[in-house]
All heavy atoms as atom14 arrays in JSON, in Angstrom:
{
  "sequence": "GGYDVKLSEVHGMAQRGGSVVTFVRYGDKVCEPIVEEGQADVLIAFER",
  "atom14_mask": [
    [1, 1, 1, 1, 0, 0, 0, 0, 0, 0, 0, 0, 0, 0],
    [1, 1, 1, 1, 0, 0, 0, 0, 0, 0, 0, 0, 0, 0],
    [1, 1, 1, 1, 1, 1, 1, 1, 1, 1, 1, 1, 0, 0],
    [1, 1, 1, 1, 1, 1, 1, 1, 0, 0, 0, 0, 0, 0],
    [1, 1, 1, 1, 1, 1, 1, 0, 0, 0, 0, 0, 0, 0],
    [1, 1, 1, 1, 1, 1, 1, 1, 1, 0, 0, 0, 0, 0],
    [1, 1, 1, 1, 1, 1, 1, 1, 0, 0, 0, 0, 0, 0],
    [1, 1, 1, 1, 1, 1, 0, 0, 0, 0, 0, 0, 0, 0],
    [1, 1, 1, 1, 1, 1, 1, 1, 1, 0, 0, 0, 0, 0],
    [1, 1, 1, 1, 1, 1, 1, 0, 0, 0, 0, 0, 0, 0],
    [1, 1, 1, 1, 1, 1, 1, 1, 1, 1, 0, 0, 0, 0],
    [1, 1, 1, 1, 0, 0, 0, 0, 0, 0, 0, 0, 0, 0],
    [1, 1, 1, 1, 1, 1, 1, 1, 0, 0, 0, 0, 0, 0],
    [1, 1, 1, 1, 1, 0, 0, 0, 0, 0, 0, 0, 0, 0],
    [1, 1, 1, 1, 1, 1, 1, 1, 1, 0, 0, 0, 0, 0],
    [1, 1, 1, 1, 1, 1, 1, 1, 1, 1, 1, 0, 0, 0],
    [1, 1, 1, 1, 0, 0, 0, 0, 0, 0, 0, 0, 0, 0],
    [1, 1, 1, 1, 0, 0, 0, 0, 0, 0, 0, 0, 0, 0],
    [1, 1, 1, 1, 1, 1, 0, 0, 0, 0, 0, 0, 0, 0],
    [1, 1, 1, 1, 1, 1, 1, 0, 0, 0, 0, 0, 0, 0],
    [1, 1, 1, 1, 1, 1, 1, 0, 0, 0, 0, 0, 0, 0],
    [1, 1, 1, 1, 1, 1, 1, 0, 0, 0, 0, 0, 0, 0],
    [1, 1, 1, 1, 1, 1, 1, 1, 1, 1, 1, 0, 0, 0],
    [1, 1, 1, 1, 1, 1, 1, 0, 0, 0, 0, 0, 0, 0],
    [1, 1, 1, 1, 1, 1, 1, 1, 1, 1, 1, 0, 0, 0],
    [1, 1, 1, 1, 1, 1, 1, 1, 1, 1, 1, 1, 0, 0],
    [1, 1, 1, 1, 0, 0, 0, 0, 0, 0, 0, 0, 0, 0],
    [1, 1, 1, 1, 1, 1, 1, 1, 0, 0, 0, 0, 0, 0],
    [1, 1, 1, 1, 1, 1, 1, 1, 1, 0, 0, 0, 0, 0],
    [1, 1, 1, 1, 1, 1, 1, 0, 0, 0, 0, 0, 0, 0],
    [1, 1, 1, 1, 1, 1, 0, 0, 0, 0, 0, 0, 0, 0],
    [1, 1, 1, 1, 1, 1, 1, 1, 1, 0, 0, 0, 0, 0],
    [1, 1, 1, 1, 1, 1, 1, 0, 0, 0, 0, 0, 0, 0],
    [1, 1, 1, 1, 1, 1, 1, 1, 0, 0, 0, 0, 0, 0],
    [1, 1, 1, 1, 1, 1, 1, 0, 0, 0, 0, 0, 0, 0],
    [1, 1, 1, 1, 1, 1, 1, 1, 1, 0, 0, 0, 0, 0],
    [1, 1, 1, 1, 1, 1, 1, 1, 1, 0, 0, 0, 0, 0],
    [1, 1, 1, 1, 0, 0, 0, 0, 0, 0, 0, 0, 0, 0],
    [1, 1, 1, 1, 1, 1, 1, 1, 1, 0, 0, 0, 0, 0],
    [1, 1, 1, 1, 1, 0, 0, 0, 0, 0, 0, 0, 0, 0],
    [1, 1, 1, 1, 1, 1, 1, 1, 0, 0, 0, 0, 0, 0],
    [1, 1, 1, 1, 1, 1, 1, 0, 0, 0, 0, 0, 0, 0],
    [1, 1, 1, 1, 1, 1, 1, 1, 0, 0, 0, 0, 0, 0],
    [1, 1, 1, 1, 1, 1, 1, 1, 0, 0, 0, 0, 0, 0],
    [1, 1, 1, 1, 1, 0, 0, 0, 0, 0, 0, 0, 0, 0],
    [1, 1, 1, 1, 1, 1, 1, 1, 1, 1, 1, 0, 0, 0],
    [1, 1, 1, 1, 1, 1, 1, 1, 1, 0, 0, 0, 0, 0],
    [1, 1, 1, 1, 1, 1, 1, 1, 1, 1, 1, 0, 0, 0]
  ],
  "atom14_positions": [
    [[-11.32, -11.35, 7.55], [-10.59, -12.61, 7.67], [-9.93, -12.74, 9.06], [-9.33, -13.81, 9.35], [0.0, 0.0, 0.0], [0.0, 0.0, 0.0], [0.0, 0.0, 0.0], [0.0, 0.0, 0.0], [0.0, 0.0, 0.0], [0.0, 0.0, 0.0], [0.0, 0.0, 0.0], [0.0, 0.0, 0.0], [0.0, 0.0, 0.0], [0.0, 0.0, 0.0]],
    [[-10.08, -11.72, 9.88], [-9.54, -11.8, 11.25], [-8.08, -11.39, 11.42], [-7.47, -11.66, 12.44], [0.0, 0.0, 0.0], [0.0, 0.0, 0.0], [0.0, 0.0, 0.0], [0.0, 0.0, 0.0], [0.0, 0.0, 0.0], [0.0, 0.0, 0.0], [0.0, 0.0, 0.0], [0.0, 0.0, 0.0], [0.0, 0.0, 0.0], [0.0, 0.0, 0.0]],
    [[-7.53, -10.71, 10.41], [-6.13, -10.3, 10.48], [-6.01, -8.84, 10.91], [-6.91, -8.06, 10.71], [-5.45, -10.47, 9.11], [-5.39, -11.91, 8.65], [-6.24, -12.36, 7.65], [-4.5, -12.81, 9.22], [-6.21, -13.65, 7.23], [-4.45, -14.1, 8.8], [-5.29, -14.54, 7.81], [-5.24, -15.85, 7.41], [0.0, 0.0, 0.0], [0.0, 0.0, 0.0]],
    [[-4.82, -8.54, 11.44], [-4.45, -7.15, 11.71], [-4.11, -6.54, 10.35], [-3.38, -7.17, 9.57], [-3.27, -7.12, 12.68], [-2.89, -5.72, 13.1], [-3.76, -4.83, 13.07], [-1.73, -5.52, 13.48], [0.0, 0.0, 0.0], [0.0, 0.0, 0.0], [0.0, 0.0, 0.0], [0.0, 0.0, 0.0], [0.0, 0.0, 0.0], [0.0, 0.0, 0.0]],
    [[-4.54, -5.34, 10.07], [-4.26, -4.7, 8.81], [-3.87, -3.24, 9.02], [-4.4, -2.56, 9.89], [-5.46, -4.8, 7.82], [-6.68, -4.09, 8.36], [-5.11, -4.29, 6.43], [0.0, 0.0, 0.0], [0.0, 0.0, 0.0], [0.0, 0.0, 0.0], [0.0, 0.0, 0.0], [0.0, 0.0, 0.0], [0.0, 0.0, 0.0], [0.0, 0.0, 0.0]],
    [[-2.91, -2.78, 8.25], [-2.49, -1.38, 8.25], [-2.5, -0.88, 6.81], [-2.01, -1.53, 5.91], [-1.06, -1.25, 8.82], [-0.89, -1.7, 10.26], [-1.48, -0.73, 11.25], [-1.17, -1.08, 12.68], [-1.9, -2.16, 13.25], [0.0, 0.0, 0.0], [0.0, 0.0, 0.0], [0.0, 0.0, 0.0], [0.0, 0.0, 0.0], [0.0, 0.0, 0.0]],
    [[-3.1, 0.3, 6.64], [-3.14, 0.96, 5.33], [-2.36, 2.25, 5.39], [-2.4, 2.96, 6.4], [-4.59, 1.29, 4.94], [-5.61, 0.17, 4.91], [-6.98, 0.73, 4.63], [-5.25, -0.88, 3.89], [0.0, 0.0, 0.0], [0.0, 0.0, 0.0], [0.0, 0.0, 0.0], [0.0, 0.0, 0.0], [0.0, 0.0, 0.0], [0.0, 0.0, 0.0]],
    [[-1.69, 2.59, 4.31], [-0.98, 3.86, 4.22], [-1.16, 4.35, 2.78], [-0.93, 3.62, 1.83], [0.47, 3.68, 4.53], [1.15, 4.93, 4.36], [0.0, 0.0, 0.0], [0.0, 0.0, 0.0], [0.0, 0.0, 0.0], [0.0, 0.0, 0.0], [0.0, 0.0, 0.0], [0.0, 0.0, 0.0], [0.0, 0.0, 0.0], [0.0, 0.0, 0.0]],
    [[-1.54, 5.61, 2.65], [-1.8, 6.18, 1.32], [-0.76, 7.3, 1.08], [-0.51, 8.14, 1.93], [-3.19, 6.75, 1.23], [-4.24, 5.68, 1.45], [-5.59, 6.26, 1.86], [-5.71, 7.48, 2.06], [-6.54, 5.45, 1.98], [0.0, 0.0, 0.0], [0.0, 0.0, 0.0], [0.0, 0.0, 0.0], [0.0, 0.0, 0.0], [0.0, 0.0, 0.0]],
    [[-0.17, 7.29, -0.12], [0.77, 8.31, -0.53], [0.21, 8.97, -1.78], [0.01, 8.31, -2.79], [2.18, 7.73, -0.85], [3.13, 8.84, -1.26], [2.71, 6.95, 0.36], [0.0, 0.0, 0.0], [0.0, 0.0, 0.0], [0.0, 0.0, 0.0], [0.0, 0.0, 0.0], [0.0, 0.0, 0.0], [0.0, 0.0, 0.0], [0.0, 0.0, 0.0]],
    [[-0.09, 10.26, -1.66], [-0.67, 10.98, -2.78], [0.38, 11.83, -3.43], [1.03, 12.61, -2.78], [-1.81, 11.88, -2.33], [-2.88, 11.2, -1.58], [-4.01, 10.72, -2.17], [-2.99, 10.81, -0.27], [-4.79, 10.14, -1.26], [-4.18, 10.21, -0.12], [0.0, 0.0, 0.0], [0.0, 0.0, 0.0], [0.0, 0.0, 0.0], [0.0, 0.0, 0.0]],
    [[0.49, 11.73, -4.76], [1.29, 12.69, -5.47], [0.34, 13.84, -5.79], [-0.46, 14.26, -4.95], [0.0, 0.0, 0.0], [0.0, 0.0, 0.0], [0.0, 0.0, 0.0], [0.0, 0.0, 0.0], [0.0, 0.0, 0.0], [0.0, 0.0, 0.0], [0.0, 0.0, 0.0], [0.0, 0.0, 0.0], [0.0, 0.0, 0.0], [0.0, 0.0, 0.0]],
    [[0.35, 14.29, -7.01], [-0.61, 15.3, -7.43], [-1.84, 14.59, -7.91], [-2.18, 14.58, -9.09], [-0.01, 16.17, -8.53], [1.14, 17.04, -8.08], [0.6, 18.33, -7.0], [-0.3, 19.38, -8.14], [0.0, 0.0, 0.0], [0.0, 0.0, 0.0], [0.0, 0.0, 0.0], [0.0, 0.0, 0.0], [0.0, 0.0, 0.0], [0.0, 0.0, 0.0]],
    [[-2.55, 13.93, -6.99], [-3.67, 13.05, -7.32], [-4.74, 13.75, -8.16], [-5.23, 13.2, -9.12], [-4.3, 12.5, -6.02], [0.0, 0.0, 0.0], [0.0, 0.0, 0.0], [0.0, 0.0, 0.0], [0.0, 0.0, 0.0], [0.0, 0.0, 0.0], [0.0, 0.0, 0.0], [0.0, 0.0, 0.0], [0.0, 0.0, 0.0], [0.0, 0.0, 0.0]],
    [[-5.09, 14.99, -7.82], [-6.11, 15.7, -8.57], [-5.62, 16.08, -9.95], [-6.39, 16.42, -10.81], [-6.59, 16.94, -7.82], [-7.48, 16.63, -6.66], [-6.68, 16.41, -5.37], [-5.49, 16.62, -5.33], [-7.37, 15.95, -4.36], [0.0, 0.0, 0.0], [0.0, 0.0, 0.0], [0.0, 0.0, 0.0], [0.0, 0.0, 0.0], [0.0, 0.0, 0.0]],
    [[-4.34, 16.03, -10.2], [-3.76, 16.45, -11.47], [-3.28, 15.26, -12.28], [-2.45, 15.41, -13.17], [-2.6, 17.41, -11.24], [-2.96, 18.62, -10.45], [-3.42, 19.74, -11.38], [-3.62, 20.95, -10.65], [-4.82, 21.44, -10.38], [-5.91, 20.83, -10.78], [-4.94, 22.59, -9.72], [0.0, 0.0, 0.0], [0.0, 0.0, 0.0], [0.0, 0.0, 0.0]],
    [[-3.72, 14.06, -11.93], [-3.29, 12.87, -12.68], [-1.95, 12.33, -12.24], [-1.34, 11.55, -12.95], [0.0, 0.0, 0.0], [0.0, 0.0, 0.0], [0.0, 0.0, 0.0], [0.0, 0.0, 0.0], [0.0, 0.0, 0.0], [0.0, 0.0, 0.0], [0.0, 0.0, 0.0], [0.0, 0.0, 0.0], [0.0, 0.0, 0.0], [0.0, 0.0, 0.0]],
    [[-1.51, 12.7, -11.06], [-0.22, 12.22, -10.53], [-0.36, 10.87, -9.88], [-1.46, 10.32, -9.73], [0.0, 0.0, 0.0], [0.0, 0.0, 0.0], [0.0, 0.0, 0.0], [0.0, 0.0, 0.0], [0.0, 0.0, 0.0], [0.0, 0.0, 0.0], [0.0, 0.0, 0.0], [0.0, 0.0, 0.0], [0.0, 0.0, 0.0], [0.0, 0.0, 0.0]],
    [[0.75, 10.27, -9.53], [0.76, 8.95, -8.89], [0.07, 8.93, -7.55], [0.2, 9.86, -6.76], [2.23, 8.49, -8.66], [2.82, 8.08, -9.87], [0.0, 0.0, 0.0], [0.0, 0.0, 0.0], [0.0, 0.0, 0.0], [0.0, 0.0, 0.0], [0.0, 0.0, 0.0], [0.0, 0.0, 0.0], [0.0, 0.0, 0.0], [0.0, 0.0, 0.0]],
    [[-0.62, 7.83, -7.32], [-1.23, 7.58, -6.02], [-0.78, 6.15, -5.66], [-0.9, 5.22, -6.46], [-2.76, 7.62, -6.06], [-3.34, 7.28, -4.68], [-3.22, 9.02, -6.48], [0.0, 0.0, 0.0], [0.0, 0.0, 0.0], [0.0, 0.0, 0.0], [0.0, 0.0, 0.0], [0.0, 0.0, 0.0], [0.0, 0.0, 0.0], [0.0, 0.0, 0.0]],
    [[-0.21, 5.99, -4.47], [0.27, 4.69, -3.99], [-0.41, 4.39, -2.67], [-0.44, 5.23, -1.77], [1.82, 4.73, -3.8], [2.32, 3.39, -3.3], [2.52, 5.12, -5.08], [0.0, 0.0, 0.0], [0.0, 0.0, 0.0], [0.0, 0.0, 0.0], [0.0, 0.0, 0.0], [0.0, 0.0, 0.0], [0.0, 0.0, 0.0], [0.0, 0.0, 0.0]],
    [[-0.9, 3.17, -2.52], [-1.44, 2.72, -1.27], [-0.76, 1.42, -0.9], [-0.58, 0.51, -1.7], [-2.97, 2.43, -1.41], [-3.6, 3.64, -1.83], [-3.54, 2.03, -0.1], [0.0, 0.0, 0.0], [0.0, 0.0, 0.0], [0.0, 0.0, 0.0], [0.0, 0.0, 0.0], [0.0, 0.0, 0.0], [0.0, 0.0, 0.0], [0.0, 0.0, 0.0]],
    [[-0.34, 1.36, 0.39], [0.26, 0.15, 0.93], [-0.77, -0.52, 1.83], [-1.43, 0.13, 2.62], [1.48, 0.5, 1.82], [2.55, 1.24, 1.1], [2.78, 2.6, 1.34], [3.39, 0.59, 0.19], [3.78, 3.28, 0.71], [4.41, 1.29, -0.47], [4.6, 2.62, -0.22], [0.0, 0.0, 0.0], [0.0, 0.0, 0.0], [0.0, 0.0, 0.0]],
    [[-0.89, -1.84, 1.7], [-1.76, -2.63, 2.54], [-0.93, -3.76, 3.11], [-0.37, -4.57, 2.34], [-2.97, -3.22, 1.75], [-3.87, -4.05, 2.66], [-3.76, -2.13, 1.05], [0.0, 0.0, 0.0], [0.0, 0.0, 0.0], [0.0, 0.0, 0.0], [0.0, 0.0, 0.0], [0.0, 0.0, 0.0], [0.0, 0.0, 0.0], [0.0, 0.0, 0.0]],
    [[-0.8, -3.8, 4.42], [-0.02, -4.86, 5.08], [-0.95, -5.59, 6.06], [-1.71, -4.95, 6.78], [1.16, -4.28, 5.84], [2.12, -3.49, 4.93], [3.4, -3.07, 5.61], [4.22, -4.29, 5.75], [4.92, -4.58, 6.85], [4.89, -3.81, 7.9], [5.63, -5.7, 6.87], [0.0, 0.0, 0.0], [0.0, 0.0, 0.0], [0.0, 0.0, 0.0]],
    [[-0.86, -6.9, 6.05], [-1.68, -7.68, 6.98], [-1.01, -8.95, 7.44], [-0.09, -9.48, 6.81], [-3.04, -7.98, 6.34], [-3.04, -8.98, 5.21], [-3.4, -10.31, 5.43], [-2.73, -8.58, 3.9], [-3.41, -11.21, 4.38], [-2.75, -9.49, 2.87], [-3.09, -10.81, 3.11], [-3.1, -11.7, 2.06], [0.0, 0.0, 0.0], [0.0, 0.0, 0.0]],
    [[-1.46, -9.4, 8.61], [-0.91, -10.6, 9.23], [-1.47, -10.75, 10.62], [-2.45, -10.09, 10.98], [0.0, 0.0, 0.0], [0.0, 0.0, 0.0], [0.0, 0.0, 0.0], [0.0, 0.0, 0.0], [0.0, 0.0, 0.0], [0.0, 0.0, 0.0], [0.0, 0.0, 0.0], [0.0, 0.0, 0.0], [0.0, 0.0, 0.0], [0.0, 0.0, 0.0]],
    [[-0.82, -11.56, 11.47], [-1.28, -11.7, 12.84], [-1.1, -10.42, 13.63], [-1.98, -10.01, 14.39], [-0.52, -12.84, 13.52], [-0.86, -14.21, 12.95], [-2.0, -14.37, 12.44], [0.04, -15.05, 12.95], [0.0, 0.0, 0.0], [0.0, 0.0, 0.0], [0.0, 0.0, 0.0], [0.0, 0.0, 0.0], [0.0, 0.0, 0.0], [0.0, 0.0, 0.0]],
    [[0.02, -9.74, 13.42], [0.29, -8.44, 14.08], [1.16, -7.64, 13.12], [2.27, -8.05, 12.78], [1.0, -8.69, 15.41], [1.35, -7.42, 16.16], [0.11, -6.73, 16.69], [0.53, -5.49, 17.49], [-0.45, -4.43, 17.36], [0.0, 0.0, 0.0], [0.0, 0.0, 0.0], [0.0, 0.0, 0.0], [0.0, 0.0, 0.0], [0.0, 0.0, 0.0]],
    [[0.68, -6.47, 12.72], [1.41, -5.58, 11.8], [1.74, -4.31, 12.6], [0.85, -3.67, 13.14], [0.55, -5.27, 10.57], [1.34, -4.33, 9.64], [0.18, -6.55, 9.83], [0.0, 0.0, 0.0], [0.0, 0.0, 0.0], [0.0, 0.0, 0.0], [0.0, 0.0, 0.0], [0.0, 0.0, 0.0], [0.0, 0.0, 0.0], [0.0, 0.0, 0.0]],
    [[3.02, -3.96, 12.62], [3.43, -2.8, 13.36], [3.5, -1.5, 12.55], [3.25, -0.44, 13.05], [4.79, -3.07, 13.98], [4.73, -4.39, 15.2], [0.0, 0.0, 0.0], [0.0, 0.0, 0.0], [0.0, 0.0, 0.0], [0.0, 0.0, 0.0], [0.0, 0.0, 0.0], [0.0, 0.0, 0.0], [0.0, 0.0, 0.0], [0.0, 0.0, 0.0]],
    [[3.85, -1.63, 11.26], [3.97, -0.41, 10.47], [3.33, -0.59, 9.11], [3.24, -1.7, 8.6], [5.44, 0.0, 10.3], [6.29, -1.02, 9.54], [7.71, -0.55, 9.37], [8.34, -0.17, 10.37], [8.2, -0.56, 8.2], [0.0, 0.0, 0.0], [0.0, 0.0, 0.0], [0.0, 0.0, 0.0], [0.0, 0.0, 0.0], [0.0, 0.0, 0.0]],
    [[2.83, 0.49, 8.5], [2.05, 0.38, 7.26], [2.82, 0.42, 5.97], [2.27, 0.19, 4.91], [1.1, 1.6, 7.39], [1.91, 2.61, 8.09], [2.74, 1.83, 9.09], [0.0, 0.0, 0.0], [0.0, 0.0, 0.0], [0.0, 0.0, 0.0], [0.0, 0.0, 0.0], [0.0, 0.0, 0.0], [0.0, 0.0, 0.0], [0.0, 0.0, 0.0]],
    [[4.12, 0.76, 6.01], [4.86, 0.98, 4.78], [5.48, -0.31, 4.28], [6.09, -1.08, 5.02], [5.98, 2.05, 5.01], [5.39, 3.35, 5.53], [6.76, 2.28, 3.72], [4.43, 4.04, 4.6], [0.0, 0.0, 0.0], [0.0, 0.0, 0.0], [0.0, 0.0, 0.0], [0.0, 0.0, 0.0], [0.0, 0.0, 0.0], [0.0, 0.0, 0.0]],
    [[5.36, -0.56, 2.97], [5.97, -1.7, 2.32], [7.33, -1.25, 1.77], [7.46, -0.26, 1.1], [5.11, -2.21, 1.15], [5.79, -3.35, 0.41], [3.72, -2.66, 1.66], [0.0, 0.0, 0.0], [0.0, 0.0, 0.0], [0.0, 0.0, 0.0], [0.0, 0.0, 0.0], [0.0, 0.0, 0.0], [0.0, 0.0, 0.0], [0.0, 0.0, 0.0]],
    [[8.37, -2.01, 2.12], [9.71, -1.68, 1.68], [9.96, -2.24, 0.26], [9.29, -3.16, -0.17], [10.77, -2.31, 2.64], [10.62, -1.87, 4.07], [11.07, -0.44, 4.27], [11.91, 0.07, 3.53], [10.5, 0.22, 5.2], [0.0, 0.0, 0.0], [0.0, 0.0, 0.0], [0.0, 0.0, 0.0], [0.0, 0.0, 0.0], [0.0, 0.0, 0.0]],
    [[10.95, -1.67, -0.42], [11.31, -2.17, -1.76], [11.63, -3.67, -1.69], [12.27, -4.13, -0.75], [12.54, -1.41, -2.29], [12.2, 0.03, -2.61], [13.37, 0.77, -3.23], [14.33, 0.13, -3.74], [13.37, 2.02, -3.19], [0.0, 0.0, 0.0], [0.0, 0.0, 0.0], [0.0, 0.0, 0.0], [0.0, 0.0, 0.0], [0.0, 0.0, 0.0]],
    [[11.16, -4.39, -2.67], [11.42, -5.81, -2.77], [10.6, -6.69, -1.84], [10.88, -7.85, -1.67], [0.0, 0.0, 0.0], [0.0, 0.0, 0.0], [0.0, 0.0, 0.0], [0.0, 0.0, 0.0], [0.0, 0.0, 0.0], [0.0, 0.0, 0.0], [0.0, 0.0, 0.0], [0.0, 0.0, 0.0], [0.0, 0.0, 0.0], [0.0, 0.0, 0.0]],
    [[9.56, -6.1, -1.2], [8.8, -6.85, -0.18], [7.31, -7.06, -0.55], [6.59, -7.76, 0.15], [8.86, -6.15, 1.16], [10.27, -6.04, 1.71], [10.89, -7.44, 1.88], [10.28, -8.34, 2.46], [12.05, -7.62, 1.32], [0.0, 0.0, 0.0], [0.0, 0.0, 0.0], [0.0, 0.0, 0.0], [0.0, 0.0, 0.0], [0.0, 0.0, 0.0]],
    [[6.8, -6.5, -1.64], [5.36, -6.62, -1.98], [5.09, -8.02, -2.54], [5.76, -8.48, -3.46], [4.98, -5.55, -2.99], [0.0, 0.0, 0.0], [0.0, 0.0, 0.0], [0.0, 0.0, 0.0], [0.0, 0.0, 0.0], [0.0, 0.0, 0.0], [0.0, 0.0, 0.0], [0.0, 0.0, 0.0], [0.0, 0.0, 0.0], [0.0, 0.0, 0.0]],
    [[4.13, -8.69, -1.94], [3.68, -9.99, -2.45], [2.82, -9.8, -3.69], [2.85, -10.63, -4.62], [2.85, -10.71, -1.38], [3.66, -11.04, -0.16], [4.49, -11.97, -0.21], [3.53, -10.34, 0.86], [0.0, 0.0, 0.0], [0.0, 0.0, 0.0], [0.0, 0.0, 0.0], [0.0, 0.0, 0.0], [0.0, 0.0, 0.0], [0.0, 0.0, 0.0]],
    [[2.03, -8.73, -3.68], [1.15, -8.42, -4.84], [1.27, -6.92, -5.12], [1.23, -6.11, -4.21], [-0.33, -8.75, -4.49], [-1.26, -8.37, -5.66], [-0.5, -10.22, -4.14], [0.0, 0.0, 0.0], [0.0, 0.0, 0.0], [0.0, 0.0, 0.0], [0.0, 0.0, 0.0], [0.0, 0.0, 0.0], [0.0, 0.0, 0.0], [0.0, 0.0, 0.0]],
    [[1.41, -6.6, -6.37], [1.41, -5.21, -6.84], [0.25, -5.1, -7.8], [0.2, -5.77, -8.83], [2.71, -4.86, -7.55], [2.79, -3.45, -8.15], [2.9, -2.4, -7.05], [3.94, -3.35, -9.11], [0.0, 0.0, 0.0], [0.0, 0.0, 0.0], [0.0, 0.0, 0.0], [0.0, 0.0, 0.0], [0.0, 0.0, 0.0], [0.0, 0.0, 0.0]],
    [[-0.7, -4.25, -7.43], [-1.87, -3.99, -8.3], [-1.65, -2.63, -8.95], [-1.55, -1.61, -8.26], [-3.18, -3.99, -7.48], [-3.35, -5.36, -6.8], [-4.38, -3.62, -8.37], [-4.51, -5.38, -5.79], [0.0, 0.0, 0.0], [0.0, 0.0, 0.0], [0.0, 0.0, 0.0], [0.0, 0.0, 0.0], [0.0, 0.0, 0.0], [0.0, 0.0, 0.0]],
    [[-1.55, -2.64, -10.28], [-1.29, -1.4, -11.01], [-2.48, -1.08, -11.94], [-2.85, -1.9, -12.75], [-0.02, -1.48, -11.82], [0.0, 0.0, 0.0], [0.0, 0.0, 0.0], [0.0, 0.0, 0.0], [0.0, 0.0, 0.0], [0.0, 0.0, 0.0], [0.0, 0.0, 0.0], [0.0, 0.0, 0.0], [0.0, 0.0, 0.0], [0.0, 0.0, 0.0]],
    [[-3.03, 0.14, -11.78], [-4.16, 0.52, -12.59], [-3.74, 1.12, -13.94], [-4.57, 1.51, -14.71], [-4.99, 1.58, -11.84], [-5.76, 0.97, -10.69], [-6.35, 1.82, -9.75], [-5.93, -0.38, -10.56], [-7.08, 1.3, -8.7], [-6.69, -0.9, -9.51], [-7.25, -0.07, -8.59], [0.0, 0.0, 0.0], [0.0, 0.0, 0.0], [0.0, 0.0, 0.0]],
    [[-2.42, 1.16, -14.2], [-1.93, 1.71, -15.44], [-0.52, 1.14, -15.65], [0.2, 0.91, -14.73], [-1.89, 3.25, -15.34], [-1.74, 4.02, -16.62], [-0.29, 4.23, -17.04], [0.59, 4.08, -16.16], [-0.06, 4.54, -18.2], [0.0, 0.0, 0.0], [0.0, 0.0, 0.0], [0.0, 0.0, 0.0], [0.0, 0.0, 0.0], [0.0, 0.0, 0.0]],
    [[-0.18, 0.91, -16.95], [1.1, 0.26, -17.28], [2.33, 0.98, -16.77], [3.23, 0.37, -16.19], [1.23, 0.14, -18.83], [0.38, -0.95, -19.41], [0.58, -0.97, -20.91], [-0.45, -0.13, -21.49], [-0.45, 0.26, -22.77], [0.54, -0.04, -23.57], [-1.44, 1.0, -23.21], [0.0, 0.0, 0.0], [0.0, 0.0, 0.0], [0.0, 0.0, 0.0]]
  ]
}
């Protein structure tokens, strides 16, 4: 889509069924990959 994008992955005990979190930030210019609390436009959860 022509946007700047930053990805950041946070792995818990991923191989042991632990939490895995990925941040995706995009726009005209993105400086950092981490999403702060209260700032996610979309939260995609693979489990309740």
